[in-house]
């Protein structure tokens, strides 16, 4: 991990950009802490860190106010990272199906999501290795948001993650639905009931499949970007219960 820049935000939160090999990322740490801070990994959709920055920094500042450090990395195929021809084709097939009002096939969903999960999860684990080596960062670790299939895989394979807030709103391959049965950590799932790009029933099936003894589904009316503030507050309270 190599830090490339740093700045203090208005609330005193320290924001540092870094690279992990060729992967860009950002780390936010609270203004003051008497002990190493618990860490929340901030997931996000494949729109790129620059485009997602306003939402990511708002989440980071809210978490810092609760005493948490947060970090994020650029996902494969996002920002300036190389594009995959097969994924570009899958996106084109997805657009055609949705514009025609046709069901999105399992083959399209697999081609679009599974390669992303296969590459992104080891990168998140490498980032976690580097972040936990910093003296100002400690455990436990949570995961919040992002492509929900990435969160599911991380919850299965990464024992250092103690709790997760998962944002519904992306297509879920059948293989990930099966993996969800192995998830046992506490979960808080957010669902926008009228999300125009989400298969609501697939989200309900995924929630039902989770093997966690503690799992909560918060469903709110409205589209993909209409998550109410109180839903974010409830997610913050979830992490305070499980990471403090």
C-alpha atoms as a PDB file:
ATOM      1  CA  UNK A   1       0.000   0.000   0.000  1.00  0.00           C
ATOM      2  CA  UNK A   2       1.370   3.384  -1.038  1.00  0.00           C
ATOM      3  CA  UNK A   3      -0.279   6.624   0.127  1.00  0.00           C
ATOM      4  CA  UNK A   4      -0.408   9.230  -2.628  1.00  0.00           C
ATOM      5  CA  UNK A   5      -2.214  12.183  -0.993  1.00  0.00           C
ATOM      6  CA  UNK A   6      -3.924  13.274   2.207  1.00  0.00           C
ATOM      7  CA  UNK A   7      -6.245  16.029   3.377  1.00  0.00           C
ATOM      8  CA  UNK A   8      -8.280  16.959   6.445  1.00  0.00           C
ATOM      9  CA  UNK A   9     -11.996  17.317   5.778  1.00  0.00           C
ATOM     10  CA  UNK A  10     -14.034  20.027   7.479  1.00  0.00           C
ATOM     11  CA  UNK A  11     -15.018  17.714  10.338  1.00  0.00           C
ATOM     12  CA  UNK A  12     -11.398  16.723  10.951  1.00  0.00           C
ATOM     13  CA  UNK A  13     -11.604  13.333   9.271  1.00  0.00           C
ATOM     14  CA  UNK A  14      -8.288  12.398   7.652  1.00  0.00           C
ATOM     15  CA  UNK A  15      -8.727  11.308   4.018  1.00  0.00           C
ATOM     16  CA  UNK A  16      -5.809   9.524   2.363  1.00  0.00           C
ATOM     17  CA  UNK A  17      -5.712   8.234  -1.177  1.00  0.00           C
ATOM     18  CA  UNK A  18      -3.587   5.159  -1.790  1.00  0.00           C
ATOM     19  CA  UNK A  19      -2.661   2.609  -4.391  1.00  0.00           C
ATOM     20  CA  UNK A  20      -2.519  -1.123  -3.764  1.00  0.00           C
ATOM     21  CA  UNK A  21      -0.410  -2.288  -6.658  1.00  0.00           C
ATOM     22  CA  UNK A  22      -2.332  -0.760  -9.569  1.00  0.00           C
ATOM     23  CA  UNK A  23      -5.606  -0.440  -7.647  1.00  0.00           C
ATOM     24  CA  UNK A  24      -6.609   3.028  -6.352  1.00  0.00           C
ATOM     25  CA  UNK A  25      -8.323   3.383  -3.003  1.00  0.00           C
ATOM     26  CA  UNK A  26      -9.243   5.829  -0.246  1.00  0.00           C
ATOM     27  CA  UNK A  27      -8.912   5.530   3.540  1.00  0.00           C
ATOM     28  CA  UNK A  28     -10.795   7.741   6.004  1.00  0.00           C
ATOM     29  CA  UNK A  29      -9.910   7.797   9.713  1.00  0.00           C
ATOM     30  CA  UNK A  30     -11.651   9.650  12.561  1.00  0.00           C
ATOM     31  CA  UNK A  31     -10.268  13.010  13.678  1.00  0.00           C
ATOM     32  CA  UNK A  32      -9.157  11.622  17.022  1.00  0.00           C
ATOM     33  CA  UNK A  33      -9.090   8.155  18.490  1.00  0.00           C
ATOM     34  CA  UNK A  34      -7.576   6.849  21.705  1.00  0.00           C
ATOM     35  CA  UNK A  35      -7.226   3.322  20.295  1.00  0.00           C
ATOM     36  CA  UNK A  36      -7.068   1.664  16.858  1.00  0.00           C
ATOM     37  CA  UNK A  37     -10.422   2.193  15.142  1.00  0.00           C
ATOM     38  CA  UNK A  38     -12.700  -0.597  13.929  1.00  0.00           C
ATOM     39  CA  UNK A  39     -12.880  -0.693  10.132  1.00  0.00           C
ATOM     40  CA  UNK A  40     -15.776  -0.675   7.676  1.00  0.00           C
ATOM     41  CA  UNK A  41     -15.086  -1.560   4.039  1.00  0.00           C
ATOM     42  CA  UNK A  42     -17.247   0.636   1.808  1.00  0.00           C
ATOM     43  CA  UNK A  43     -18.560  -1.250  -1.209  1.00  0.00           C
ATOM     44  CA  UNK A  44     -20.029   0.580  -4.187  1.00  0.00           C
ATOM     45  CA  UNK A  45     -21.392  -0.120  -7.687  1.00  0.00           C
ATOM     46  CA  UNK A  46     -19.138  -0.288 -10.732  1.00  0.00           C
ATOM     47  CA  UNK A  47     -19.436   3.412 -11.550  1.00  0.00           C
ATOM     48  CA  UNK A  48     -15.912   4.423 -10.517  1.00  0.00           C
ATOM     49  CA  UNK A  49     -14.554   6.127  -7.410  1.00  0.00           C
ATOM     50  CA  UNK A  50     -14.646   9.599  -8.948  1.00  0.00           C
ATOM     51  CA  UNK A  51     -18.348   9.376  -9.717  1.00  0.00           C
ATOM     52  CA  UNK A  52     -19.173   7.688  -6.406  1.00  0.00           C
ATOM     53  CA  UNK A  53     -16.979   9.963  -4.274  1.00  0.00           C
ATOM     54  CA  UNK A  54     -19.734  12.305  -2.934  1.00  0.00           C
ATOM     55  CA  UNK A  55     -21.754   9.372  -1.618  1.00  0.00           C
ATOM     56  CA  UNK A  56     -18.701   7.500  -0.337  1.00  0.00           C
ATOM     57  CA  UNK A  57     -17.280  10.462   1.596  1.00  0.00           C
ATOM     58  CA  UNK A  58     -20.695  11.142   3.174  1.00  0.00           C
ATOM     59  CA  UNK A  59     -20.843   7.524   4.366  1.00  0.00           C
ATOM     60  CA  UNK A  60     -17.245   7.755   5.604  1.00  0.00           C
ATOM     61  CA  UNK A  61     -17.926  10.910   7.593  1.00  0.00           C
ATOM     62  CA  UNK A  62     -21.011   9.406   9.205  1.00  0.00           C
ATOM     63  CA  UNK A  63     -18.988   6.327  10.155  1.00  0.00           C
ATOM     64  CA  UNK A  64     -16.139   8.482  11.513  1.00  0.00           C
ATOM     65  CA  UNK A  65     -18.603  10.305  13.757  1.00  0.00           C
ATOM     66  CA  UNK A  66     -19.395   6.887  15.254  1.00  0.00           C
ATOM     67  CA  UNK A  67     -15.687   6.115  15.715  1.00  0.00           C
ATOM     68  CA  UNK A  68     -15.074   3.932  12.667  1.00  0.00           C
ATOM     69  CA  UNK A  69     -12.372   4.076  10.017  1.00  0.00           C
ATOM     70  CA  UNK A  70     -13.564   3.339   6.472  1.00  0.00           C
ATOM     71  CA  UNK A  71     -11.866   2.392   3.237  1.00  0.00           C
ATOM     72  CA  UNK A  72     -12.765   1.641  -0.348  1.00  0.00           C
ATOM     73  CA  UNK A  73     -11.005   0.486  -3.511  1.00  0.00           C
ATOM     74  CA  UNK A  74     -11.681   0.848  -7.222  1.00  0.00           C
ATOM     75  CA  UNK A  75     -13.496  -2.220  -8.513  1.00  0.00           C
ATOM     76  CA  UNK A  76     -12.344  -4.164 -11.576  1.00  0.00           C
ATOM     77  CA  UNK A  77     -13.503  -2.541 -14.822  1.00  0.00           C
ATOM     78  CA  UNK A  78     -14.226   0.735 -13.009  1.00  0.00           C
ATOM     79  CA  UNK A  79     -12.567   4.142 -13.257  1.00  0.00           C
ATOM     80  CA  UNK A  80      -9.378   3.883 -15.295  1.00  0.00           C
ATOM     81  CA  UNK A  81      -8.993   0.142 -14.828  1.00  0.00           C
ATOM     82  CA  UNK A  82      -8.991  -2.053 -17.983  1.00  0.00           C
ATOM     83  CA  UNK A  83     -12.296  -3.190 -19.493  1.00  0.00           C
ATOM     84  CA  UNK A  84     -13.113  -6.839 -20.260  1.00  0.00           C
ATOM     85  CA  UNK A  85     -14.571  -7.593 -23.713  1.00  0.00           C
ATOM     86  CA  UNK A  86     -16.751 -10.404 -22.314  1.00  0.00           C
ATOM     87  CA  UNK A  87     -18.222  -8.084 -19.688  1.00  0.00           C
ATOM     88  CA  UNK A  88     -18.855  -5.381 -22.284  1.00  0.00           C
ATOM     89  CA  UNK A  89     -20.778  -7.953 -24.323  1.00  0.00           C
ATOM     90  CA  UNK A  90     -22.761  -9.034 -21.257  1.00  0.00           C
ATOM     91  CA  UNK A  91     -23.701  -5.407 -20.547  1.00  0.00           C
ATOM     92  CA  UNK A  92     -24.853  -4.979 -24.139  1.00  0.00           C
ATOM     93  CA  UNK A  93     -26.953  -8.150 -23.865  1.00  0.00           C
ATOM     94  CA  UNK A  94     -28.423  -6.855 -20.607  1.00  0.00           C
ATOM     95  CA  UNK A  95     -29.388  -3.514 -22.155  1.00  0.00           C
ATOM     96  CA  UNK A  96     -31.040  -5.246 -25.108  1.00  0.00           C
ATOM     97  CA  UNK A  97     -33.078  -7.518 -22.840  1.00  0.00           C
ATOM     98  CA  UNK A  98     -34.222  -4.686 -20.583  1.00  0.00           C
ATOM     99  CA  UNK A  99     -35.077  -2.345 -23.457  1.00  0.00           C
ATOM    100  CA  UNK A 100     -37.128  -5.131 -25.053  1.00  0.00           C
ATOM    101  CA  UNK A 101     -38.915  -5.819 -21.773  1.00  0.00           C
ATOM    102  CA  UNK A 102     -37.596  -9.377 -21.741  1.00  0.00           C
ATOM    103  CA  UNK A 103     -36.449 -11.373 -18.694  1.00  0.00           C
ATOM    104  CA  UNK A 104     -32.711 -11.181 -18.064  1.00  0.00           C
ATOM    105  CA  UNK A 105     -31.355 -14.694 -18.490  1.00  0.00           C
ATOM    106  CA  UNK A 106     -29.171 -16.511 -15.963  1.00  0.00           C
ATOM    107  CA  UNK A 107     -26.474 -16.689 -18.631  1.00  0.00           C
ATOM    108  CA  UNK A 108     -26.323 -12.894 -18.950  1.00  0.00           C
ATOM    109  CA  UNK A 109     -26.286 -12.418 -15.170  1.00  0.00           C
ATOM    110  CA  UNK A 110     -23.508 -15.003 -14.731  1.00  0.00           C
ATOM    111  CA  UNK A 111     -21.379 -13.432 -17.466  1.00  0.00           C
ATOM    112  CA  UNK A 112     -21.838  -9.962 -15.988  1.00  0.00           C
ATOM    113  CA  UNK A 113     -21.433 -10.644 -12.270  1.00  0.00           C
ATOM    114  CA  UNK A 114     -19.378 -13.784 -11.586  1.00  0.00           C
ATOM    115  CA  UNK A 115     -16.077 -12.630 -13.194  1.00  0.00           C
ATOM    116  CA  UNK A 116     -16.391  -9.358 -11.273  1.00  0.00           C
ATOM    117  CA  UNK A 117     -16.874 -11.210  -7.977  1.00  0.00           C
ATOM    118  CA  UNK A 118     -14.012 -13.623  -8.727  1.00  0.00           C
ATOM    119  CA  UNK A 119     -11.545 -10.750  -9.196  1.00  0.00           C
ATOM    120  CA  UNK A 120     -12.896  -8.178  -6.733  1.00  0.00           C
ATOM    121  CA  UNK A 121     -13.030 -10.387  -3.636  1.00  0.00           C
ATOM    122  CA  UNK A 122      -9.290 -11.283  -3.561  1.00  0.00           C
ATOM    123  CA  UNK A 123      -8.526  -7.588  -4.141  1.00  0.00           C
ATOM    124  CA  UNK A 124     -10.672  -6.623  -1.164  1.00  0.00           C
ATOM    125  CA  UNK A 125      -8.868  -9.247   0.912  1.00  0.00           C
ATOM    126  CA  UNK A 126      -5.474  -7.866  -0.134  1.00  0.00           C
ATOM    127  CA  UNK A 127      -6.660  -4.376   0.801  1.00  0.00           C
ATOM    128  CA  UNK A 128      -7.796  -5.693   4.176  1.00  0.00           C
ATOM    129  CA  UNK A 129      -4.352  -7.237   4.775  1.00  0.00           C
ATOM    130  CA  UNK A 130      -2.723  -3.861   4.127  1.00  0.00           C
ATOM    131  CA  UNK A 131      -5.239  -1.803   6.104  1.00  0.00           C
ATOM    132  CA  UNK A 132      -5.059  -3.981   9.219  1.00  0.00           C
ATOM    133  CA  UNK A 133      -1.277  -3.604   9.231  1.00  0.00           C
ATOM    134  CA  UNK A 134      -1.666   0.135   9.936  1.00  0.00           C
ATOM    135  CA  UNK A 135      -1.338   1.076  13.632  1.00  0.00           C
ATOM    136  CA  UNK A 136      -4.423   3.307  13.554  1.00  0.00           C
ATOM    137  CA  UNK A 137      -6.683   0.507  12.251  1.00  0.00           C
ATOM    138  CA  UNK A 138      -7.921  -2.405  14.330  1.00  0.00           C
ATOM    139  CA  UNK A 139     -10.703  -4.941  14.312  1.00  0.00           C
ATOM    140  CA  UNK A 140     -13.393  -5.910  14.136  1.00  0.00           C
ATOM    141  CA  UNK A 141     -14.220  -5.341  10.452  1.00  0.00           C
ATOM    142  CA  UNK A 142     -17.537  -4.734   8.703  1.00  0.00           C
ATOM    143  CA  UNK A 143     -18.552  -4.556   5.057  1.00  0.00           C
ATOM    144  CA  UNK A 144     -21.133  -2.078   3.796  1.00  0.00           C
ATOM    145  CA  UNK A 145     -22.922  -1.613   0.488  1.00  0.00           C
ATOM    146  CA  UNK A 146     -21.723  -2.310  -2.985  1.00  0.00           C
ATOM    147  CA  UNK A 147     -22.506  -5.020  -5.511  1.00  0.00           C
ATOM    148  CA  UNK A 148     -24.408  -7.418  -3.268  1.00  0.00           C
ATOM    149  CA  UNK A 149     -22.804 -10.531  -4.795  1.00  0.00           C
ATOM    150  CA  UNK A 150     -19.352  -9.246  -3.790  1.00  0.00           C
ATOM    151  CA  UNK A 151     -20.607  -8.757  -0.240  1.00  0.00           C
ATOM    152  CA  UNK A 152     -22.025 -12.272  -0.143  1.00  0.00           C
ATOM    153  CA  UNK A 153     -18.778 -13.856  -1.339  1.00  0.00           C
ATOM    154  CA  UNK A 154     -16.724 -11.789   1.136  1.00  0.00           C
ATOM    155  CA  UNK A 155     -19.022 -12.828   3.982  1.00  0.00           C
ATOM    156  CA  UNK A 156     -18.407 -16.477   3.053  1.00  0.00           C
ATOM    157  CA  UNK A 157     -14.637 -16.488   2.500  1.00  0.00           C
ATOM    158  CA  UNK A 158     -13.305 -13.696   4.752  1.00  0.00           C
ATOM    159  CA  UNK A 159     -13.382 -14.627   8.460  1.00  0.00           C
ATOM    160  CA  UNK A 160     -12.166 -11.173   9.534  1.00  0.00           C
ATOM    161  CA  UNK A 161     -15.507  -9.619   8.524  1.00  0.00           C
ATOM    162  CA  UNK A 162     -17.818  -9.717  11.548  1.00  0.00           C
ATOM    163  CA  UNK A 163     -20.980  -8.056  10.190  1.00  0.00           C
ATOM    164  CA  UNK A 164     -22.286  -6.679   6.909  1.00  0.00           C
ATOM    165  CA  UNK A 165     -24.789  -4.171   5.583  1.00  0.00           C
ATOM    166  CA  UNK A 166     -25.786  -5.258   2.071  1.00  0.00           C
ATOM    167  CA  UNK A 167     -27.500  -3.019  -0.488  1.00  0.00           C
ATOM    168  CA  UNK A 168     -29.923  -4.827  -2.806  1.00  0.00           C
ATOM    169  CA  UNK A 169     -30.111  -3.464  -6.326  1.00  0.00           C
ATOM    170  CA  UNK A 170     -27.900  -5.604  -8.547  1.00  0.00           C
ATOM    171  CA  UNK A 171     -28.480  -8.914 -10.302  1.00  0.00           C
ATOM    172  CA  UNK A 172     -27.639 -12.047  -8.305  1.00  0.00           C
ATOM    173  CA  UNK A 173     -26.340 -15.212 -10.014  1.00  0.00           C
ATOM    174  CA  UNK A 174     -27.764 -18.541  -8.915  1.00  0.00           C
ATOM    175  CA  UNK A 175     -24.304 -19.599  -7.715  1.00  0.00           C
ATOM    176  CA  UNK A 176     -24.223 -16.641  -5.307  1.00  0.00           C
ATOM    177  CA  UNK A 177     -27.693 -17.573  -4.047  1.00  0.00           C
ATOM    178  CA  UNK A 178     -26.269 -20.972  -3.096  1.00  0.00           C
ATOM    179  CA  UNK A 179     -23.220 -19.381  -1.447  1.00  0.00           C
ATOM    180  CA  UNK A 180     -25.571 -17.245   0.669  1.00  0.00           C
ATOM    181  CA  UNK A 181     -26.571 -20.379   2.593  1.00  0.00           C
ATOM    182  CA  UNK A 182     -23.023 -20.426   4.033  1.00  0.00           C
ATOM    183  CA  UNK A 183     -23.210 -16.850   5.384  1.00  0.00           C
ATOM    184  CA  UNK A 184     -23.483 -16.853   9.190  1.00  0.00           C
ATOM    185  CA  UNK A 185     -22.448 -13.328  10.267  1.00  0.00           C
ATOM    186  CA  UNK A 186     -25.057 -10.733  11.338  1.00  0.00           C
ATOM    187  CA  UNK A 187     -26.636  -9.032   8.299  1.00  0.00           C
ATOM    188  CA  UNK A 188     -28.612  -5.852   7.704  1.00  0.00           C
ATOM    189  CA  UNK A 189     -30.071  -5.797   4.160  1.00  0.00           C
ATOM    190  CA  UNK A 190     -31.453  -2.644   2.535  1.00  0.00           C
ATOM    191  CA  UNK A 191     -34.040  -2.961  -0.239  1.00  0.00           C
ATOM    192  CA  UNK A 192     -35.732  -0.195  -2.218  1.00  0.00           C
ATOM    193  CA  UNK A 193     -39.123  -1.747  -2.983  1.00  0.00           C
ATOM    194  CA  UNK A 194     -39.583   0.070  -6.317  1.00  0.00           C
ATOM    195  CA  UNK A 195     -35.971  -0.183  -7.514  1.00  0.00           C
ATOM    196  CA  UNK A 196     -36.294   0.039 -11.281  1.00  0.00           C
ATOM    197  CA  UNK A 197     -33.207  -2.086 -11.965  1.00  0.00           C
ATOM    198  CA  UNK A 198     -33.664  -4.730  -9.297  1.00  0.00           C
ATOM    199  CA  UNK A 199     -35.505  -8.027  -9.295  1.00  0.00           C
ATOM    200  CA  UNK A 200     -37.351  -7.686  -5.983  1.00  0.00           C
ATOM    201  CA  UNK A 201     -38.166 -11.387  -5.747  1.00  0.00           C
ATOM    202  CA  UNK A 202     -34.517 -12.293  -6.299  1.00  0.00           C
ATOM    203  CA  UNK A 203     -33.589 -10.100  -3.338  1.00  0.00           C
ATOM    204  CA  UNK A 204     -36.236 -11.747  -1.168  1.00  0.00           C
ATOM    205  CA  UNK A 205     -34.981 -15.191  -2.239  1.00  0.00           C
ATOM    206  CA  UNK A 206     -31.418 -14.165  -1.393  1.00  0.00           C
ATOM    207  CA  UNK A 207     -32.442 -12.891   2.034  1.00  0.00           C
ATOM    208  CA  UNK A 208     -34.301 -16.108   2.712  1.00  0.00           C
ATOM    209  CA  UNK A 209     -31.214 -18.126   1.705  1.00  0.00           C
ATOM    210  CA  UNK A 210     -28.814 -16.432   4.136  1.00  0.00           C
ATOM    211  CA  UNK A 211     -27.775 -18.816   6.890  1.00  0.00           C
ATOM    212  CA  UNK A 212     -27.288 -16.067   9.490  1.00  0.00           C
ATOM    213  CA  UNK A 213     -29.169 -16.381  12.770  1.00  0.00           C
ATOM    214  CA  UNK A 214     -29.353 -12.582  12.913  1.00  0.00           C
ATOM    215  CA  UNK A 215     -30.521 -11.029   9.659  1.00  0.00           C
ATOM    216  CA  UNK A 216     -32.754  -8.021   9.150  1.00  0.00           C
ATOM    217  CA  UNK A 217     -34.409  -6.798   5.943  1.00  0.00           C
ATOM    218  CA  UNK A 218     -35.228  -3.077   5.762  1.00  0.00           C
ATOM    219  CA  UNK A 219     -37.496  -2.413   2.769  1.00  0.00           C
ATOM    220  CA  UNK A 220     -38.509   1.141   1.887  1.00  0.00           C
ATOM    221  CA  UNK A 221     -40.738   2.488  -0.840  1.00  0.00           C
ATOM    222  CA  UNK A 222     -39.008   4.298  -3.689  1.00  0.00           C
ATOM    223  CA  UNK A 223     -36.496   3.853  -6.483  1.00  0.00           C
ATOM    224  CA  UNK A 224     -32.808   2.957  -6.483  1.00  0.00           C
ATOM    225  CA  UNK A 225     -31.487   6.335  -5.301  1.00  0.00           C
ATOM    226  CA  UNK A 226     -34.314   7.101  -2.883  1.00  0.00           C
ATOM    227  CA  UNK A 227     -32.912   5.485   0.269  1.00  0.00           C
ATOM    228  CA  UNK A 228     -34.267   7.547   3.201  1.00  0.00           C
ATOM    229  CA  UNK A 229     -31.867   9.014   5.764  1.00  0.00           C
ATOM    230  CA  UNK A 230     -33.365   6.976   8.594  1.00  0.00           C
ATOM    231  CA  UNK A 231     -32.417   3.777   6.738  1.00  0.00           C
ATOM    232  CA  UNK A 232     -28.790   4.894   6.822  1.00  0.00           C
ATOM    233  CA  UNK A 233     -29.138   5.708  10.511  1.00  0.00           C
ATOM    234  CA  UNK A 234     -30.419   2.188  11.205  1.00  0.00           C
ATOM    235  CA  UNK A 235     -27.453   0.707   9.329  1.00  0.00           C
ATOM    236  CA  UNK A 236     -25.079   2.850  11.405  1.00  0.00           C
ATOM    237  CA  UNK A 237     -26.710   1.599  14.603  1.00  0.00           C
ATOM    238  CA  UNK A 238     -26.271  -1.974  13.349  1.00  0.00           C
ATOM    239  CA  UNK A 239     -22.501  -1.462  13.037  1.00  0.00           C
ATOM    240  CA  UNK A 240     -22.317   0.233  16.437  1.00  0.00           C
ATOM    241  CA  UNK A 241     -23.900  -2.874  17.983  1.00  0.00           C
ATOM    242  CA  UNK A 242     -21.612  -5.337  16.246  1.00  0.00           C
ATOM    243  CA  UNK A 243     -18.255  -3.565  15.815  1.00  0.00           C
ATOM    244  CA  UNK A 244     -17.913  -1.554  19.033  1.00  0.00           C
END
